[in-house]
Amino acid sequence: MSKALCWVGLILSLIVFLIFLLDVSAAIPFGRRNIFVDVVFMVIALLMMWMSWTTYREQK
């Protein structure tokens, strides 16, 4: 069960990262209202991906 939660966290943070990357590059979902917020959310999503991946590796 905990491995599945690691994968869910990894996939959801990847989706968040891609949404905000799309907003920075093409201004599609949010209209590029504040680039600073987009970058902060992308960094947080990358940190979440890293934490999910390292937790998954520790459980093997």
N, C-alpha and C. Protein backbone atom coordinates (compact mmCIF):
# COMPACT_ATOMS: atom_id res chain seq x y z
N MET A 1 0.82 -1.20 0.00
CA MET A 1 0.00 0.00 0.00
C MET A 1 0.86 1.26 0.00
N SER A 2 1.93 1.27 0.76
CA SER A 2 2.75 2.48 0.84
C SER A 2 3.51 2.74 -0.46
N LYS A 3 3.84 1.68 -1.20
CA LYS A 3 4.47 1.89 -2.50
C LYS A 3 3.50 2.55 -3.47
N ALA A 4 2.23 2.15 -3.37
CA ALA A 4 1.22 2.77 -4.23
C ALA A 4 1.06 4.25 -3.90
N LEU A 5 1.14 4.59 -2.62
CA LEU A 5 1.03 6.00 -2.24
C LEU A 5 2.22 6.81 -2.75
N CYS A 6 3.39 6.19 -2.79
CA CYS A 6 4.56 6.87 -3.36
C CYS A 6 4.34 7.15 -4.84
N TRP A 7 3.79 6.17 -5.56
CA TRP A 7 3.52 6.37 -6.98
C TRP A 7 2.45 7.43 -7.21
N VAL A 8 1.42 7.44 -6.35
CA VAL A 8 0.37 8.46 -6.48
C VAL A 8 0.95 9.85 -6.25
N GLY A 9 1.79 9.99 -5.23
CA GLY A 9 2.44 11.28 -4.98
C GLY A 9 3.33 11.70 -6.12
N LEU A 10 4.05 10.76 -6.70
CA LEU A 10 4.92 11.06 -7.83
C LEU A 10 4.12 11.50 -9.05
N ILE A 11 3.06 10.80 -9.35
CA ILE A 11 2.25 11.13 -10.53
C ILE A 11 1.52 12.46 -10.35
N LEU A 12 0.96 12.69 -9.16
CA LEU A 12 0.25 13.94 -8.94
C LEU A 12 1.19 15.15 -8.97
N SER A 13 2.37 15.00 -8.42
CA SER A 13 3.32 16.11 -8.47
C SER A 13 3.83 16.34 -9.90
N LEU A 14 3.92 15.28 -10.69
CA LEU A 14 4.29 15.45 -12.09
C LEU A 14 3.19 16.20 -12.85
N ILE A 15 1.94 15.90 -12.55
CA ILE A 15 0.83 16.60 -13.19
C ILE A 15 0.84 18.08 -12.81
N VAL A 16 1.06 18.37 -11.52
CA VAL A 16 1.13 19.76 -11.08
C VAL A 16 2.27 20.49 -11.77
N PHE A 17 3.43 19.83 -11.85
CA PHE A 17 4.57 20.44 -12.52
C PHE A 17 4.25 20.74 -13.98
N LEU A 18 3.64 19.80 -14.67
CA LEU A 18 3.33 20.02 -16.09
C LEU A 18 2.28 21.11 -16.30
N ILE A 19 1.32 21.22 -15.39
CA ILE A 19 0.30 22.27 -15.51
C ILE A 19 0.95 23.65 -15.38
N PHE A 20 1.81 23.82 -14.40
CA PHE A 20 2.43 25.13 -14.22
C PHE A 20 3.51 25.40 -15.26
N LEU A 21 4.16 24.37 -15.77
CA LEU A 21 5.09 24.57 -16.88
C LEU A 21 4.34 25.01 -18.13
N LEU A 22 3.18 24.44 -18.36
CA LEU A 22 2.34 24.85 -19.48
C LEU A 22 1.86 26.28 -19.31
N ASP A 23 1.57 26.67 -18.09
CA ASP A 23 1.15 28.04 -17.84
C ASP A 23 2.28 29.03 -18.12
N VAL A 24 3.50 28.67 -17.73
CA VAL A 24 4.64 29.56 -17.98
C VAL A 24 4.94 29.65 -19.47
N SER A 25 4.87 28.53 -20.15
CA SER A 25 5.29 28.52 -21.55
C SER A 25 4.20 28.98 -22.51
N ALA A 26 2.93 28.60 -22.27
CA ALA A 26 1.88 28.91 -23.24
C ALA A 26 0.72 29.71 -22.67
N ALA A 27 0.70 29.97 -21.38
CA ALA A 27 -0.35 30.74 -20.71
C ALA A 27 -1.74 30.14 -20.93
N ILE A 28 -1.81 28.80 -20.92
CA ILE A 28 -3.11 28.16 -21.20
C ILE A 28 -4.01 28.05 -19.96
N PRO A 29 -3.64 27.37 -18.88
CA PRO A 29 -4.66 27.17 -17.83
C PRO A 29 -5.02 28.44 -17.06
N PHE A 30 -4.03 29.24 -16.68
CA PHE A 30 -4.29 30.37 -15.79
C PHE A 30 -3.99 31.73 -16.42
N GLY A 31 -3.55 31.77 -17.63
CA GLY A 31 -3.30 33.04 -18.30
C GLY A 31 -2.03 33.75 -17.87
N ARG A 32 -1.10 33.01 -17.31
CA ARG A 32 0.21 33.55 -16.90
C ARG A 32 0.05 34.81 -16.05
N ARG A 33 -0.78 34.71 -15.01
CA ARG A 33 -1.03 35.88 -14.16
C ARG A 33 0.18 36.27 -13.34
N ASN A 34 0.87 35.30 -12.75
CA ASN A 34 2.03 35.58 -11.92
C ASN A 34 3.07 34.49 -12.14
N ILE A 35 4.15 34.84 -12.80
CA ILE A 35 5.18 33.85 -13.14
C ILE A 35 5.91 33.37 -11.89
N PHE A 36 6.07 34.26 -10.91
CA PHE A 36 6.74 33.86 -9.66
C PHE A 36 6.00 32.71 -8.98
N VAL A 37 4.70 32.78 -8.93
CA VAL A 37 3.89 31.72 -8.31
C VAL A 37 4.03 30.43 -9.11
N ASP A 38 4.05 30.54 -10.44
CA ASP A 38 4.23 29.36 -11.28
C ASP A 38 5.56 28.68 -10.99
N VAL A 39 6.61 29.46 -10.89
CA VAL A 39 7.94 28.89 -10.63
C VAL A 39 8.00 28.26 -9.24
N VAL A 40 7.39 28.91 -8.26
CA VAL A 40 7.38 28.35 -6.90
C VAL A 40 6.65 27.01 -6.88
N PHE A 41 5.51 26.93 -7.55
CA PHE A 41 4.78 25.67 -7.60
C PHE A 41 5.55 24.60 -8.36
N MET A 42 6.29 24.97 -9.39
CA MET A 42 7.10 23.99 -10.11
C MET A 42 8.23 23.47 -9.22
N VAL A 43 8.86 24.34 -8.45
CA VAL A 43 9.92 23.90 -7.54
C VAL A 43 9.35 22.99 -6.46
N ILE A 44 8.20 23.35 -5.91
CA ILE A 44 7.57 22.51 -4.89
C ILE A 44 7.20 21.14 -5.47
N ALA A 45 6.70 21.13 -6.71
CA ALA A 45 6.35 19.86 -7.35
C ALA A 45 7.60 19.00 -7.57
N LEU A 46 8.70 19.63 -7.96
CA LEU A 46 9.94 18.87 -8.12
C LEU A 46 10.42 18.29 -6.80
N LEU A 47 10.30 19.07 -5.72
CA LEU A 47 10.67 18.55 -4.40
C LEU A 47 9.78 17.39 -3.99
N MET A 48 8.51 17.50 -4.28
CA MET A 48 7.58 16.41 -3.96
C MET A 48 7.90 15.15 -4.77
N MET A 49 8.27 15.33 -6.06
CA MET A 49 8.67 14.18 -6.87
C MET A 49 9.91 13.52 -6.29
N TRP A 50 10.88 14.34 -5.88
CA TRP A 50 12.11 13.80 -5.31
C TRP A 50 11.83 13.04 -4.01
N MET A 51 10.98 13.62 -3.14
CA MET A 51 10.66 12.94 -1.88
C MET A 51 9.90 11.64 -2.13
N SER A 52 9.00 11.63 -3.09
CA SER A 52 8.26 10.40 -3.40
C SER A 52 9.20 9.33 -3.94
N TRP A 53 10.11 9.73 -4.81
CA TRP A 53 11.03 8.77 -5.40
C TRP A 53 11.99 8.19 -4.38
N THR A 54 12.54 9.03 -3.50
CA THR A 54 13.48 8.51 -2.50
C THR A 54 12.77 7.63 -1.48
N THR A 55 11.52 7.97 -1.12
CA THR A 55 10.76 7.12 -0.21
C THR A 55 10.46 5.78 -0.86
N TYR A 56 10.13 5.79 -2.14
CA TYR A 56 9.87 4.54 -2.86
C TYR A 56 11.12 3.67 -2.89
N ARG A 57 12.28 4.28 -3.14
CA ARG A 57 13.53 3.52 -3.19
C ARG A 57 13.90 2.92 -1.84
N GLU A 58 13.58 3.62 -0.75
CA GLU A 58 13.89 3.12 0.59
C GLU A 58 13.03 1.90 0.95
N GLN A 59 11.87 1.75 0.33
CA GLN A 59 10.97 0.66 0.69
C GLN A 59 11.30 -0.65 -0.02
N LYS A 60 12.20 -0.64 -0.96
CA LYS A 60 12.51 -1.89 -1.69
C LYS A 60 13.24 -2.87 -0.83
